[in-house]
Amino acid sequence: MKAFKELAIIIGICLFGEISAQLLPFPFPSSVLSMLILLALFFTPLLKPESIEGVSSLMLGNMVLFFIPSGVQIIKYASVMKDSWWKLVLICLISMVLTFFVTGFSVILTIKLIKGGKKNGNN
């Protein structure tokens, strides 16, 4: 029963994000809006991360299943992309390399900032 309650909370937040995104006067991804709503709820006493931990762990453990519809759609429209597949591959490679570098430099900077704060006696 607890799993159904956790799932209902997650689905409710997603539904609220979807409806809110439709009401906005500008285009905004409903999934991002739902995550922002979830984050805002975590900062209030209304929702604690522990209250959705079970279903969230299950979803994260089986995340590969959420990519099946995307893969099917890519295969469905493969004929449309046959002339420009190399552009998509190039964009993916460039964005992957940029993500690696930005993430690496962010981690290095964070470590330096943490170590610098400890040297000054600030914990």
C-alpha atoms as a PDB file:
ATOM      1  CA  MET A   1       0.000   0.000   0.000  1.00  0.00           C
ATOM      2  CA  LYS A   2       2.898   2.346   0.742  1.00  0.00           C
ATOM      3  CA  ALA A   3       4.208   1.907  -2.816  1.00  0.00           C
ATOM      4  CA  PHE A   4       0.855   2.994  -4.253  1.00  0.00           C
ATOM      5  CA  LYS A   5       0.883   6.107  -2.070  1.00  0.00           C
ATOM      6  CA  GLU A   6       4.423   6.971  -3.198  1.00  0.00           C
ATOM      7  CA  LEU A   7       3.527   6.370  -6.839  1.00  0.00           C
ATOM      8  CA  ALA A   8       0.372   8.479  -6.469  1.00  0.00           C
ATOM      9  CA  ILE A   9       2.456  11.367  -5.089  1.00  0.00           C
ATOM     10  CA  ILE A  10       4.896  11.187  -8.018  1.00  0.00           C
ATOM     11  CA  ILE A  11       2.140  10.877 -10.624  1.00  0.00           C
ATOM     12  CA  GLY A  12       0.214  13.725  -8.976  1.00  0.00           C
ATOM     13  CA  ILE A  13       3.232  16.012  -9.142  1.00  0.00           C
ATOM     14  CA  CYS A  14       3.791  15.055 -12.789  1.00  0.00           C
ATOM     15  CA  LEU A  15       0.137  15.729 -13.582  1.00  0.00           C
ATOM     16  CA  PHE A  16       0.269  19.088 -11.818  1.00  0.00           C
ATOM     17  CA  GLY A  17       3.442  19.945 -13.765  1.00  0.00           C
ATOM     18  CA  GLU A  18       1.782  18.959 -17.045  1.00  0.00           C
ATOM     19  CA  ILE A  19      -1.290  21.072 -16.364  1.00  0.00           C
ATOM     20  CA  SER A  20       0.834  24.007 -15.172  1.00  0.00           C
ATOM     21  CA  ALA A  21       3.010  23.839 -18.296  1.00  0.00           C
ATOM     22  CA  GLN A  22      -0.096  23.984 -20.484  1.00  0.00           C
ATOM     23  CA  LEU A  23      -1.323  27.076 -18.648  1.00  0.00           C
ATOM     24  CA  LEU A  24       1.919  29.013 -19.017  1.00  0.00           C
ATOM     25  CA  PRO A  25       1.911  31.704 -21.714  1.00  0.00           C
ATOM     26  CA  PHE A  26       5.246  30.408 -23.058  1.00  0.00           C
ATOM     27  CA  PRO A  27       6.477  26.927 -23.912  1.00  0.00           C
ATOM     28  CA  PHE A  28       8.156  25.141 -21.002  1.00  0.00           C
ATOM     29  CA  PRO A  29       8.846  21.420 -20.617  1.00  0.00           C
ATOM     30  CA  SER A  30       6.384  19.881 -18.189  1.00  0.00           C
ATOM     31  CA  SER A  31       8.963  17.373 -16.938  1.00  0.00           C
ATOM     32  CA  VAL A  32      11.312  20.168 -15.890  1.00  0.00           C
ATOM     33  CA  LEU A  33       8.448  22.046 -14.275  1.00  0.00           C
ATOM     34  CA  SER A  34       7.452  18.884 -12.388  1.00  0.00           C
ATOM     35  CA  MET A  35      10.999  18.478 -11.078  1.00  0.00           C
ATOM     36  CA  LEU A  36      11.030  22.106  -9.937  1.00  0.00           C
ATOM     37  CA  ILE A  37       7.698  21.584  -8.169  1.00  0.00           C
ATOM     38  CA  LEU A  38       9.095  18.450  -6.490  1.00  0.00           C
ATOM     39  CA  LEU A  39      12.200  20.366  -5.398  1.00  0.00           C
ATOM     40  CA  ALA A  40      10.051  23.179  -4.005  1.00  0.00           C
ATOM     41  CA  LEU A  41       7.949  20.658  -2.091  1.00  0.00           C
ATOM     42  CA  PHE A  42      11.088  19.149  -0.567  1.00  0.00           C
ATOM     43  CA  PHE A  43      11.898  22.557   0.929  1.00  0.00           C
ATOM     44  CA  THR A  44       8.524  22.639   2.657  1.00  0.00           C
ATOM     45  CA  PRO A  45       7.240  20.404   5.441  1.00  0.00           C
ATOM     46  CA  LEU A  46       4.620  19.042   3.002  1.00  0.00           C
ATOM     47  CA  LEU A  47       6.917  16.434   1.413  1.00  0.00           C
ATOM     48  CA  LYS A  48      10.070  14.738   2.600  1.00  0.00           C
ATOM     49  CA  PRO A  49      12.358  12.741   0.279  1.00  0.00           C
ATOM     50  CA  GLU A  50      11.809   9.664   2.444  1.00  0.00           C
ATOM     51  CA  SER A  51       8.107   9.684   1.552  1.00  0.00           C
ATOM     52  CA  ILE A  52       8.831   8.709  -2.073  1.00  0.00           C
ATOM     53  CA  GLU A  53      12.131   6.890  -1.566  1.00  0.00           C
ATOM     54  CA  GLY A  54      10.866   3.347  -2.268  1.00  0.00           C
ATOM     55  CA  VAL A  55       9.238   3.980  -5.642  1.00  0.00           C
ATOM     56  CA  SER A  56      11.986   6.424  -6.638  1.00  0.00           C
ATOM     57  CA  SER A  57      14.644   3.772  -6.010  1.00  0.00           C
ATOM     58  CA  LEU A  58      12.646   1.251  -8.016  1.00  0.00           C
ATOM     59  CA  MET A  59      12.280   3.682 -10.918  1.00  0.00           C
ATOM     60  CA  LEU A  60      15.972   4.588 -10.885  1.00  0.00           C
ATOM     61  CA  GLY A  61      16.930   0.919 -10.781  1.00  0.00           C
ATOM     62  CA  ASN A  62      14.819   0.212 -13.869  1.00  0.00           C
ATOM     63  CA  MET A  63      15.455   3.455 -15.725  1.00  0.00           C
ATOM     64  CA  VAL A  64      16.349   1.637 -18.935  1.00  0.00           C
ATOM     65  CA  LEU A  65      12.656   0.806 -19.395  1.00  0.00           C
ATOM     66  CA  PHE A  66      11.819   4.505 -19.681  1.00  0.00           C
ATOM     67  CA  PHE A  67      14.018   4.819 -22.787  1.00  0.00           C
ATOM     68  CA  ILE A  68      12.253   2.094 -24.788  1.00  0.00           C
ATOM     69  CA  PRO A  69       9.562   4.443 -26.206  1.00  0.00           C
ATOM     70  CA  SER A  70      12.243   6.919 -27.305  1.00  0.00           C
ATOM     71  CA  GLY A  71      14.210   4.167 -29.025  1.00  0.00           C
ATOM     72  CA  VAL A  72      11.098   2.941 -30.821  1.00  0.00           C
ATOM     73  CA  GLN A  73      10.341   6.459 -32.059  1.00  0.00           C
ATOM     74  CA  ILE A  74      13.886   6.863 -33.359  1.00  0.00           C
ATOM     75  CA  ILE A  75      13.565   3.597 -35.281  1.00  0.00           C
ATOM     76  CA  LYS A  76      10.121   4.656 -36.533  1.00  0.00           C
ATOM     77  CA  TYR A  77      11.525   7.852 -38.033  1.00  0.00           C
ATOM     78  CA  ALA A  78      14.852   6.418 -39.180  1.00  0.00           C
ATOM     79  CA  SER A  79      13.905   7.000 -42.823  1.00  0.00           C
ATOM     80  CA  VAL A  80      13.458  10.716 -42.140  1.00  0.00           C
ATOM     81  CA  MET A  81      16.900  10.926 -40.526  1.00  0.00           C
ATOM     82  CA  LYS A  82      18.799   8.831 -43.063  1.00  0.00           C
ATOM     83  CA  ASP A  83      20.269  11.870 -44.853  1.00  0.00           C
ATOM     84  CA  SER A  84      21.268  13.761 -41.724  1.00  0.00           C
ATOM     85  CA  TRP A  85      22.292  10.978 -39.304  1.00  0.00           C
ATOM     86  CA  TRP A  86      25.877  12.188 -39.269  1.00  0.00           C
ATOM     87  CA  LYS A  87      24.774  15.607 -37.983  1.00  0.00           C
ATOM     88  CA  LEU A  88      22.983  13.963 -35.085  1.00  0.00           C
ATOM     89  CA  VAL A  89      26.014  11.804 -34.272  1.00  0.00           C
ATOM     90  CA  LEU A  90      28.310  14.851 -34.450  1.00  0.00           C
ATOM     91  CA  ILE A  91      26.051  16.857 -32.134  1.00  0.00           C
ATOM     92  CA  CYS A  92      25.904  13.944 -29.674  1.00  0.00           C
ATOM     93  CA  LEU A  93      29.686  13.546 -29.674  1.00  0.00           C
ATOM     94  CA  ILE A  94      30.365  17.264 -29.224  1.00  0.00           C
ATOM     95  CA  SER A  95      27.793  17.604 -26.437  1.00  0.00           C
ATOM     96  CA  MET A  96      29.171  14.481 -24.717  1.00  0.00           C
ATOM     97  CA  VAL A  97      32.735  15.834 -24.738  1.00  0.00           C
ATOM     98  CA  LEU A  98      31.584  19.260 -23.520  1.00  0.00           C
ATOM     99  CA  THR A  99      29.548  17.634 -20.740  1.00  0.00           C
ATOM    100  CA  PHE A 100      32.558  15.583 -19.636  1.00  0.00           C
ATOM    101  CA  PHE A 101      34.798  18.657 -19.491  1.00  0.00           C
ATOM    102  CA  VAL A 102      32.268  20.883 -17.730  1.00  0.00           C
ATOM    103  CA  THR A 103      31.485  18.157 -15.197  1.00  0.00           C
ATOM    104  CA  GLY A 104      35.173  17.474 -14.574  1.00  0.00           C
ATOM    105  CA  PHE A 105      36.021  21.140 -14.076  1.00  0.00           C
ATOM    106  CA  SER A 106      32.976  21.579 -11.818  1.00  0.00           C
ATOM    107  CA  VAL A 107      34.108  18.690  -9.614  1.00  0.00           C
ATOM    108  CA  ILE A 108      37.674  20.042  -9.475  1.00  0.00           C
ATOM    109  CA  LEU A 109      36.423  23.524  -8.578  1.00  0.00           C
ATOM    110  CA  THR A 110      34.081  22.132  -5.919  1.00  0.00           C
ATOM    111  CA  ILE A 111      36.885  20.098  -4.353  1.00  0.00           C
ATOM    112  CA  LYS A 112      39.180  23.146  -4.317  1.00  0.00           C
ATOM    113  CA  LEU A 113      36.468  25.288  -2.734  1.00  0.00           C
ATOM    114  CA  ILE A 114      35.762  22.665  -0.066  1.00  0.00           C
ATOM    115  CA  LYS A 115      39.449  22.207   0.741  1.00  0.00           C
ATOM    116  CA  GLY A 116      39.988  25.967   0.775  1.00  0.00           C
ATOM    117  CA  GLY A 117      37.136  26.415   3.245  1.00  0.00           C
ATOM    118  CA  LYS A 118      38.592  23.787   5.585  1.00  0.00           C
ATOM    119  CA  LYS A 119      42.034  25.440   5.552  1.00  0.00           C
ATOM    120  CA  ASN A 120      40.512  28.672   6.781  1.00  0.00           C
ATOM    121  CA  GLY A 121      38.747  26.871   9.609  1.00  0.00           C
ATOM    122  CA  ASN A 122      35.311  27.218   7.993  1.00  0.00           C
ATOM    123  CA  ASN A 123      33.479  23.876   7.894  1.00  0.00           C
END
